[in-house]
Amino acid sequence: MIDAADGEVYEKYADELVRFATMLAGPSDAEDLVAGAVVRVFSSPAWRGVSNQRAYLYRSVLSEAASVARSARRRVGREQRVGLWAGADSVPGLHPEVVAAARSLSVRQRAVVFMTFWMDASSDEIANVLSLSVRTVQRELEAGLRRMERHLDD
């Protein structure tokens, strides 16, 4: 059950979670993505035992973004087969080329790149928030930057 304390937690982290989700899924889906993740988290019995709520919420948003991305890939495939695909959203304040390059990344790579450059987070902080090893964060960042560079060079 969701209570007043959950509302306070949501108010505390909502803006940063929406910014994070915007980079993961685009501005038109960010708030819905956060809302879906937060409702699932707050409804879970495990939520009461969470010690690092911020990290747990970030991981939940990342997981929700991955799920939405999988669904979108399946949907886009179906729509392309019938000629209905409409294209990608833009992210306000970012060059369209950078957004397109970021969209070519996996959700995890996009999360690591976003947290590194737009949140100025260290590899240790990202590893803690996303429950990854520091080496995995570094590997995802390196792979993501290489992929973005190739995309931007084309």
C-alpha atoms as a PDB file:
ATOM      1  CA  MET A   1       0.000   0.000   0.000  1.00  0.00           C
ATOM      2  CA  ILE A   2       1.208   3.493  -0.834  1.00  0.00           C
ATOM      3  CA  ASP A   3       1.380   5.924   2.106  1.00  0.00           C
ATOM      4  CA  ALA A   4       2.406   9.518   2.888  1.00  0.00           C
ATOM      5  CA  ALA A   5       6.058   8.570   3.367  1.00  0.00           C
ATOM      6  CA  ASP A   6       6.074   7.164  -0.169  1.00  0.00           C
ATOM      7  CA  GLY A   7       4.691  10.469  -1.421  1.00  0.00           C
ATOM      8  CA  GLU A   8       7.561  12.288   0.252  1.00  0.00           C
ATOM      9  CA  VAL A   9      10.085   9.918  -1.326  1.00  0.00           C
ATOM     10  CA  TYR A  10       8.465  10.492  -4.721  1.00  0.00           C
ATOM     11  CA  GLU A  11       8.566  14.280  -4.307  1.00  0.00           C
ATOM     12  CA  LYS A  12      12.215  14.101  -3.284  1.00  0.00           C
ATOM     13  CA  TYR A  13      13.388  12.105  -6.323  1.00  0.00           C
ATOM     14  CA  ALA A  14      10.751  12.689  -9.027  1.00  0.00           C
ATOM     15  CA  ASP A  15      12.540  15.435 -10.966  1.00  0.00           C
ATOM     16  CA  GLU A  16      15.863  13.617 -11.197  1.00  0.00           C
ATOM     17  CA  LEU A  17      14.134  10.346 -12.093  1.00  0.00           C
ATOM     18  CA  VAL A  18      12.220  12.071 -14.907  1.00  0.00           C
ATOM     19  CA  ARG A  19      15.457  13.583 -16.251  1.00  0.00           C
ATOM     20  CA  PHE A  20      17.049  10.135 -16.138  1.00  0.00           C
ATOM     21  CA  ALA A  21      14.032   8.565 -17.851  1.00  0.00           C
ATOM     22  CA  THR A  22      14.023  11.311 -20.501  1.00  0.00           C
ATOM     23  CA  MET A  23      17.455  10.242 -21.655  1.00  0.00           C
ATOM     24  CA  LEU A  24      16.529   6.574 -21.503  1.00  0.00           C
ATOM     25  CA  ALA A  25      13.171   6.719 -23.262  1.00  0.00           C
ATOM     26  CA  GLY A  26      12.579  10.246 -24.579  1.00  0.00           C
ATOM     27  CA  PRO A  27      10.569  13.165 -23.234  1.00  0.00           C
ATOM     28  CA  SER A  28       7.152  11.909 -24.282  1.00  0.00           C
ATOM     29  CA  ASP A  29       7.531   8.669 -22.312  1.00  0.00           C
ATOM     30  CA  ALA A  30       9.662   9.791 -19.357  1.00  0.00           C
ATOM     31  CA  GLU A  31       6.936  10.706 -16.878  1.00  0.00           C
ATOM     32  CA  ASP A  32       4.897   7.597 -17.683  1.00  0.00           C
ATOM     33  CA  LEU A  33       7.987   5.445 -17.326  1.00  0.00           C
ATOM     34  CA  VAL A  34       8.770   6.930 -13.894  1.00  0.00           C
ATOM     35  CA  ALA A  35       5.141   6.660 -12.792  1.00  0.00           C
ATOM     36  CA  GLY A  36       4.964   3.002 -13.794  1.00  0.00           C
ATOM     37  CA  ALA A  37       8.219   2.170 -12.055  1.00  0.00           C
ATOM     38  CA  VAL A  38       7.312   4.087  -8.890  1.00  0.00           C
ATOM     39  CA  VAL A  39       3.853   2.540  -8.588  1.00  0.00           C
ATOM     40  CA  ARG A  40       5.367  -0.933  -8.952  1.00  0.00           C
ATOM     41  CA  VAL A  41       8.053  -0.155  -6.365  1.00  0.00           C
ATOM     42  CA  PHE A  42       5.693   1.387  -3.832  1.00  0.00           C
ATOM     43  CA  SER A  43       3.263  -1.530  -4.234  1.00  0.00           C
ATOM     44  CA  SER A  44       5.957  -4.119  -3.605  1.00  0.00           C
ATOM     45  CA  PRO A  45       6.302  -5.617  -0.124  1.00  0.00           C
ATOM     46  CA  ALA A  46      10.084  -5.510  -0.630  1.00  0.00           C
ATOM     47  CA  TRP A  47      10.001  -1.682  -0.705  1.00  0.00           C
ATOM     48  CA  ARG A  48       9.699  -1.426   3.085  1.00  0.00           C
ATOM     49  CA  GLY A  49      13.064  -3.160   3.526  1.00  0.00           C
ATOM     50  CA  VAL A  50      15.001  -1.067   1.006  1.00  0.00           C
ATOM     51  CA  SER A  51      17.899   0.797   2.592  1.00  0.00           C
ATOM     52  CA  ASN A  52      18.989   2.905  -0.411  1.00  0.00           C
ATOM     53  CA  GLN A  53      15.684   4.135  -1.813  1.00  0.00           C
ATOM     54  CA  ARG A  54      17.228   6.435  -4.418  1.00  0.00           C
ATOM     55  CA  ALA A  55      19.328   3.653  -5.934  1.00  0.00           C
ATOM     56  CA  TYR A  56      16.370   1.278  -5.863  1.00  0.00           C
ATOM     57  CA  LEU A  57      14.199   3.813  -7.716  1.00  0.00           C
ATOM     58  CA  TYR A  58      16.904   4.408 -10.342  1.00  0.00           C
ATOM     59  CA  ARG A  59      17.247   0.658 -10.914  1.00  0.00           C
ATOM     60  CA  SER A  60      13.472   0.352 -11.186  1.00  0.00           C
ATOM     61  CA  VAL A  61      13.305   3.137 -13.772  1.00  0.00           C
ATOM     62  CA  LEU A  62      16.146   1.494 -15.709  1.00  0.00           C
ATOM     63  CA  SER A  63      14.344  -1.849 -15.605  1.00  0.00           C
ATOM     64  CA  GLU A  64      11.086  -0.239 -16.705  1.00  0.00           C
ATOM     65  CA  ALA A  65      12.921   1.524 -19.558  1.00  0.00           C
ATOM     66  CA  ALA A  66      14.411  -1.771 -20.713  1.00  0.00           C
ATOM     67  CA  SER A  67      10.979  -3.372 -20.658  1.00  0.00           C
ATOM     68  CA  VAL A  68       9.437  -0.475 -22.587  1.00  0.00           C
ATOM     69  CA  ALA A  69      12.312  -0.569 -25.098  1.00  0.00           C
ATOM     70  CA  ARG A  70      11.757  -4.285 -25.708  1.00  0.00           C
ATOM     71  CA  SER A  71       8.064  -3.664 -26.275  1.00  0.00           C
ATOM     72  CA  ALA A  72       8.817  -0.734 -28.559  1.00  0.00           C
ATOM     73  CA  ARG A  73      11.247  -2.794 -30.651  1.00  0.00           C
ATOM     74  CA  ARG A  74       8.605  -5.440 -31.132  1.00  0.00           C
ATOM     75  CA  ARG A  75       5.982  -2.792 -31.942  1.00  0.00           C
ATOM     76  CA  VAL A  76       8.263  -0.939 -34.373  1.00  0.00           C
ATOM     77  CA  GLY A  77       9.002  -4.198 -36.145  1.00  0.00           C
ATOM     78  CA  ARG A  78       5.295  -4.850 -36.544  1.00  0.00           C
ATOM     79  CA  GLU A  79       4.603  -1.264 -37.634  1.00  0.00           C
ATOM     80  CA  GLN A  80       7.445  -1.236 -40.135  1.00  0.00           C
ATOM     81  CA  ARG A  81       6.043  -4.358 -41.680  1.00  0.00           C
ATOM     82  CA  VAL A  82       2.845  -2.430 -42.355  1.00  0.00           C
ATOM     83  CA  GLY A  83       4.463   0.973 -42.970  1.00  0.00           C
ATOM     84  CA  LEU A  84       3.245   2.841 -39.884  1.00  0.00           C
ATOM     85  CA  TRP A  85       6.446   3.770 -38.045  1.00  0.00           C
ATOM     86  CA  ALA A  86       6.462   7.477 -37.157  1.00  0.00           C
ATOM     87  CA  GLY A  87      10.041   8.108 -35.950  1.00  0.00           C
ATOM     88  CA  ALA A  88      11.783   9.050 -32.724  1.00  0.00           C
ATOM     89  CA  ASP A  89      11.162  11.859 -30.241  1.00  0.00           C
ATOM     90  CA  SER A  90      13.649  14.627 -29.609  1.00  0.00           C
ATOM     91  CA  VAL A  91      15.150  15.591 -26.279  1.00  0.00           C
ATOM     92  CA  PRO A  92      14.913  19.351 -25.610  1.00  0.00           C
ATOM     93  CA  GLY A  93      18.311  21.023 -25.255  1.00  0.00           C
ATOM     94  CA  LEU A  94      20.262  18.302 -27.043  1.00  0.00           C
ATOM     95  CA  HIS A  95      21.363  18.184 -30.641  1.00  0.00           C
ATOM     96  CA  PRO A  96      19.225  15.758 -32.659  1.00  0.00           C
ATOM     97  CA  GLU A  97      22.394  13.968 -33.800  1.00  0.00           C
ATOM     98  CA  VAL A  98      23.393  13.286 -30.187  1.00  0.00           C
ATOM     99  CA  VAL A  99      19.890  12.052 -29.368  1.00  0.00           C
ATOM    100  CA  ALA A 100      19.945   9.746 -32.399  1.00  0.00           C
ATOM    101  CA  ALA A 101      23.375   8.456 -31.389  1.00  0.00           C
ATOM    102  CA  ALA A 102      22.179   7.857 -27.815  1.00  0.00           C
ATOM    103  CA  ARG A 103      19.129   5.993 -29.099  1.00  0.00           C
ATOM    104  CA  SER A 104      21.470   3.570 -30.866  1.00  0.00           C
ATOM    105  CA  LEU A 105      22.768   2.426 -27.448  1.00  0.00           C
ATOM    106  CA  SER A 106      21.375  -0.291 -25.232  1.00  0.00           C
ATOM    107  CA  VAL A 107      19.281   1.002 -22.343  1.00  0.00           C
ATOM    108  CA  ARG A 108      22.089   0.207 -19.883  1.00  0.00           C
ATOM    109  CA  GLN A 109      24.695   2.033 -22.008  1.00  0.00           C
ATOM    110  CA  ARG A 110      22.334   5.003 -22.353  1.00  0.00           C
ATOM    111  CA  ALA A 111      21.846   5.072 -18.568  1.00  0.00           C
ATOM    112  CA  VAL A 112      25.593   5.019 -17.898  1.00  0.00           C
ATOM    113  CA  VAL A 113      26.351   7.695 -20.522  1.00  0.00           C
ATOM    114  CA  PHE A 114      23.546   9.909 -19.214  1.00  0.00           C
ATOM    115  CA  MET A 115      24.587   9.573 -15.586  1.00  0.00           C
ATOM    116  CA  THR A 116      28.238  10.217 -16.477  1.00  0.00           C
ATOM    117  CA  PHE A 117      27.771  13.317 -18.612  1.00  0.00           C
ATOM    118  CA  TRP A 118      24.440  14.862 -17.636  1.00  0.00           C
ATOM    119  CA  MET A 119      24.455  14.013 -13.932  1.00  0.00           C
ATOM    120  CA  ASP A 120      28.246  14.248 -13.550  1.00  0.00           C
ATOM    121  CA  ALA A 121      28.221  10.983 -11.587  1.00  0.00           C
ATOM    122  CA  SER A 122      31.366   8.960 -10.966  1.00  0.00           C
ATOM    123  CA  SER A 123      31.689   5.306 -11.957  1.00  0.00           C
ATOM    124  CA  ASP A 124      31.411   4.379  -8.272  1.00  0.00           C
ATOM    125  CA  GLU A 125      28.168   6.348  -7.876  1.00  0.00           C
ATOM    126  CA  ILE A 126      26.685   4.863 -11.040  1.00  0.00           C
ATOM    127  CA  ALA A 127      27.688   1.358  -9.976  1.00  0.00           C
ATOM    128  CA  ASN A 128      25.992   1.886  -6.618  1.00  0.00           C
ATOM    129  CA  VAL A 129      22.795   3.336  -8.076  1.00  0.00           C
ATOM    130  CA  LEU A 130      22.419   0.726 -10.836  1.00  0.00           C
ATOM    131  CA  SER A 131      23.748  -2.243  -8.805  1.00  0.00           C
ATOM    132  CA  LEU A 132      26.555  -2.902 -11.263  1.00  0.00           C
ATOM    133  CA  SER A 133      30.246  -3.430 -10.707  1.00  0.00           C
ATOM    134  CA  VAL A 134      32.477  -0.423 -11.350  1.00  0.00           C
ATOM    135  CA  ARG A 135      34.153  -2.389 -14.148  1.00  0.00           C
ATOM    136  CA  THR A 136      30.767  -3.040 -15.797  1.00  0.00           C
ATOM    137  CA  VAL A 137      29.974   0.674 -15.638  1.00  0.00           C
ATOM    138  CA  GLN A 138      33.333   1.490 -17.236  1.00  0.00           C
ATOM    139  CA  ARG A 139      32.867  -1.176 -19.906  1.00  0.00           C
ATOM    140  CA  GLU A 140      29.334   0.044 -20.735  1.00  0.00           C
ATOM    141  CA  LEU A 141      30.554   3.653 -20.889  1.00  0.00           C
ATOM    142  CA  GLU A 142      33.440   2.765 -23.203  1.00  0.00           C
ATOM    143  CA  ALA A 143      31.216   0.677 -25.470  1.00  0.00           C
ATOM    144  CA  GLY A 144      28.514   3.332 -25.491  1.00  0.00           C
ATOM    145  CA  LEU A 145      30.913   6.131 -26.356  1.00  0.00           C
ATOM    146  CA  ARG A 146      32.472   4.059 -29.159  1.00  0.00           C
ATOM    147  CA  ARG A 147      29.048   3.313 -30.581  1.00  0.00           C
ATOM    148  CA  MET A 148      27.943   6.952 -30.341  1.00  0.00           C
ATOM    149  CA  GLU A 149      31.170   8.081 -32.002  1.00  0.00           C
ATOM    150  CA  ARG A 150      30.632   5.658 -34.897  1.00  0.00           C
ATOM    151  CA  HIS A 151      27.035   6.826 -35.215  1.00  0.00           C
ATOM    152  CA  LEU A 152      28.035  10.503 -35.214  1.00  0.00           C
ATOM    153  CA  ASP A 153      30.827   9.903 -37.751  1.00  0.00           C
ATOM    154  CA  ASP A 154      28.408   8.370 -40.271  1.00  0.00           C
END
